[in-house]
Amino acid sequence: MFARLPKGQLLVESGAELDDMSRMVVATAIERHLALVEEPQPYHAEIGNLRTVDPFA
């Protein structure tokens, strides 16, 4: 799944690019059909099959 994440920049709120460790966490969540618990981030819209839960909502 890691290799199938969109190529190019996946940006977080600060404007930085998502690092490889975070990409692995995202890929694992998708592969195992889990929801990623994280505040809304710009890259969430770039990954169609990523389920997220805002811990502050």
N, C-alpha and C. Protein backbone atom coordinates (compact mmCIF):
# COMPACT_ATOMS: atom_id res chain seq x y z
N MET A 1 0.82 -1.19 0.00
CA MET A 1 0.00 0.00 0.00
C MET A 1 0.87 1.26 0.00
N PHE A 2 1.99 1.20 0.68
CA PHE A 2 2.89 2.35 0.75
C PHE A 2 3.23 2.86 -0.65
N ALA A 3 3.53 1.95 -1.55
CA ALA A 3 3.92 2.33 -2.91
C ALA A 3 2.75 2.89 -3.71
N ARG A 4 1.53 2.59 -3.30
CA ARG A 4 0.36 3.07 -4.04
C ARG A 4 -0.15 4.42 -3.55
N LEU A 5 0.44 4.98 -2.51
CA LEU A 5 0.04 6.32 -2.08
C LEU A 5 0.37 7.30 -3.18
N PRO A 6 -0.41 8.38 -3.28
CA PRO A 6 -0.16 9.35 -4.36
C PRO A 6 1.29 9.84 -4.37
N LYS A 7 1.83 9.90 -5.56
CA LYS A 7 3.20 10.41 -5.72
C LYS A 7 3.21 11.91 -5.51
N GLY A 8 4.34 12.45 -5.21
CA GLY A 8 4.47 13.88 -5.01
C GLY A 8 4.21 14.26 -3.58
N GLN A 9 3.89 15.50 -3.38
CA GLN A 9 3.77 16.02 -2.03
C GLN A 9 2.40 15.72 -1.41
N LEU A 10 2.45 15.21 -0.21
CA LEU A 10 1.28 15.10 0.64
C LEU A 10 1.57 16.03 1.81
N LEU A 11 0.86 17.15 1.86
CA LEU A 11 1.19 18.21 2.81
C LEU A 11 0.37 18.14 4.09
N VAL A 12 1.01 18.46 5.19
CA VAL A 12 0.33 18.59 6.48
C VAL A 12 0.02 20.07 6.70
N GLU A 13 -0.70 20.36 7.76
CA GLU A 13 -1.19 21.72 8.02
C GLU A 13 -0.08 22.76 8.04
N SER A 14 1.09 22.41 8.53
CA SER A 14 2.20 23.37 8.63
C SER A 14 2.82 23.69 7.27
N GLY A 15 2.43 22.96 6.24
CA GLY A 15 2.99 23.16 4.91
C GLY A 15 4.14 22.21 4.60
N ALA A 16 4.55 21.43 5.60
CA ALA A 16 5.62 20.46 5.40
C ALA A 16 5.06 19.22 4.69
N GLU A 17 5.96 18.49 4.06
CA GLU A 17 5.56 17.26 3.39
C GLU A 17 5.48 16.12 4.40
N LEU A 18 4.52 15.24 4.20
CA LEU A 18 4.37 14.06 5.05
C LEU A 18 5.62 13.21 4.93
N ASP A 19 6.23 12.86 6.06
CA ASP A 19 7.47 12.08 6.00
C ASP A 19 7.19 10.60 5.78
N ASP A 20 8.24 9.83 5.52
CA ASP A 20 8.09 8.41 5.19
C ASP A 20 7.45 7.60 6.32
N MET A 21 7.78 7.91 7.56
CA MET A 21 7.21 7.17 8.68
C MET A 21 5.70 7.42 8.75
N SER A 22 5.29 8.64 8.56
CA SER A 22 3.86 8.96 8.56
C SER A 22 3.15 8.32 7.37
N ARG A 23 3.82 8.29 6.23
CA ARG A 23 3.23 7.61 5.07
C ARG A 23 3.00 6.13 5.37
N MET A 24 3.92 5.52 6.11
CA MET A 24 3.77 4.11 6.46
C MET A 24 2.57 3.92 7.39
N VAL A 25 2.37 4.84 8.32
CA VAL A 25 1.21 4.77 9.22
C VAL A 25 -0.08 4.89 8.42
N VAL A 26 -0.12 5.83 7.49
CA VAL A 26 -1.29 6.01 6.63
C VAL A 26 -1.54 4.76 5.80
N ALA A 27 -0.50 4.22 5.19
CA ALA A 27 -0.63 3.02 4.37
C ALA A 27 -1.13 1.84 5.20
N THR A 28 -0.65 1.70 6.42
CA THR A 28 -1.09 0.62 7.29
C THR A 28 -2.56 0.77 7.64
N ALA A 29 -2.99 2.00 7.94
CA ALA A 29 -4.40 2.24 8.26
C ALA A 29 -5.29 1.87 7.08
N ILE A 30 -4.88 2.23 5.88
CA ILE A 30 -5.68 1.90 4.69
C ILE A 30 -5.71 0.40 4.47
N GLU A 31 -4.55 -0.24 4.51
CA GLU A 31 -4.43 -1.67 4.24
C GLU A 31 -5.25 -2.51 5.23
N ARG A 32 -5.30 -2.08 6.47
CA ARG A 32 -6.00 -2.85 7.51
C ARG A 32 -7.42 -2.35 7.77
N HIS A 33 -7.89 -1.43 6.91
CA HIS A 33 -9.25 -0.89 7.00
C HIS A 33 -9.50 -0.23 8.35
N LEU A 34 -8.53 0.54 8.81
CA LEU A 34 -8.62 1.25 10.07
C LEU A 34 -8.84 2.73 9.81
N ALA A 35 -9.33 3.43 10.81
CA ALA A 35 -9.46 4.88 10.72
C ALA A 35 -8.23 5.52 11.35
N LEU A 36 -7.68 6.50 10.69
CA LEU A 36 -6.54 7.25 11.21
C LEU A 36 -7.08 8.34 12.13
N VAL A 37 -6.64 8.34 13.37
CA VAL A 37 -7.08 9.36 14.33
C VAL A 37 -6.09 10.51 14.27
N GLU A 38 -6.56 11.61 13.70
CA GLU A 38 -5.68 12.76 13.47
C GLU A 38 -6.54 13.98 13.16
N GLU A 39 -6.04 15.16 13.55
CA GLU A 39 -6.72 16.39 13.18
C GLU A 39 -6.77 16.47 11.65
N PRO A 40 -7.79 17.13 11.09
CA PRO A 40 -7.85 17.27 9.63
C PRO A 40 -6.57 17.87 9.06
N GLN A 41 -6.07 17.26 8.01
CA GLN A 41 -4.84 17.70 7.35
C GLN A 41 -5.11 17.83 5.85
N PRO A 42 -4.39 18.72 5.17
CA PRO A 42 -4.60 18.90 3.73
C PRO A 42 -4.44 17.61 2.92
N TYR A 43 -3.55 16.73 3.31
CA TYR A 43 -3.31 15.52 2.52
C TYR A 43 -4.48 14.53 2.59
N HIS A 44 -5.35 14.65 3.55
CA HIS A 44 -6.49 13.73 3.67
C HIS A 44 -7.33 13.73 2.39
N ALA A 45 -7.50 14.88 1.78
CA ALA A 45 -8.30 14.99 0.55
C ALA A 45 -7.60 14.33 -0.64
N GLU A 46 -6.30 14.14 -0.56
CA GLU A 46 -5.53 13.55 -1.67
C GLU A 46 -5.61 12.03 -1.71
N ILE A 47 -6.05 11.43 -0.61
CA ILE A 47 -6.08 9.97 -0.52
C ILE A 47 -7.54 9.55 -0.33
N GLY A 48 -8.14 9.11 -1.42
CA GLY A 48 -9.57 8.83 -1.42
C GLY A 48 -10.05 7.74 -0.47
N ASN A 49 -9.27 6.72 -0.25
CA ASN A 49 -9.72 5.59 0.58
C ASN A 49 -9.22 5.67 2.02
N LEU A 50 -8.79 6.84 2.46
CA LEU A 50 -8.31 7.03 3.82
C LEU A 50 -9.48 7.47 4.70
N ARG A 51 -9.76 6.69 5.74
CA ARG A 51 -10.79 7.06 6.72
C ARG A 51 -10.10 7.74 7.89
N THR A 52 -10.65 8.88 8.31
CA THR A 52 -10.03 9.62 9.42
C THR A 52 -11.08 9.93 10.49
N VAL A 53 -10.60 10.10 11.70
CA VAL A 53 -11.42 10.54 12.83
C VAL A 53 -10.69 11.69 13.48
N ASP A 54 -11.40 12.82 13.62
CA ASP A 54 -10.83 13.98 14.29
C ASP A 54 -10.99 13.78 15.80
N PRO A 55 -9.89 13.69 16.54
CA PRO A 55 -9.99 13.42 17.98
C PRO A 55 -10.60 14.59 18.75
N PHE A 56 -10.68 15.76 18.14
CA PHE A 56 -11.20 16.94 18.83
C PHE A 56 -12.63 17.26 18.42
N ALA A 57 -13.21 16.46 17.54
CA ALA A 57 -14.58 16.72 17.07
C ALA A 57 -15.60 16.20 18.06
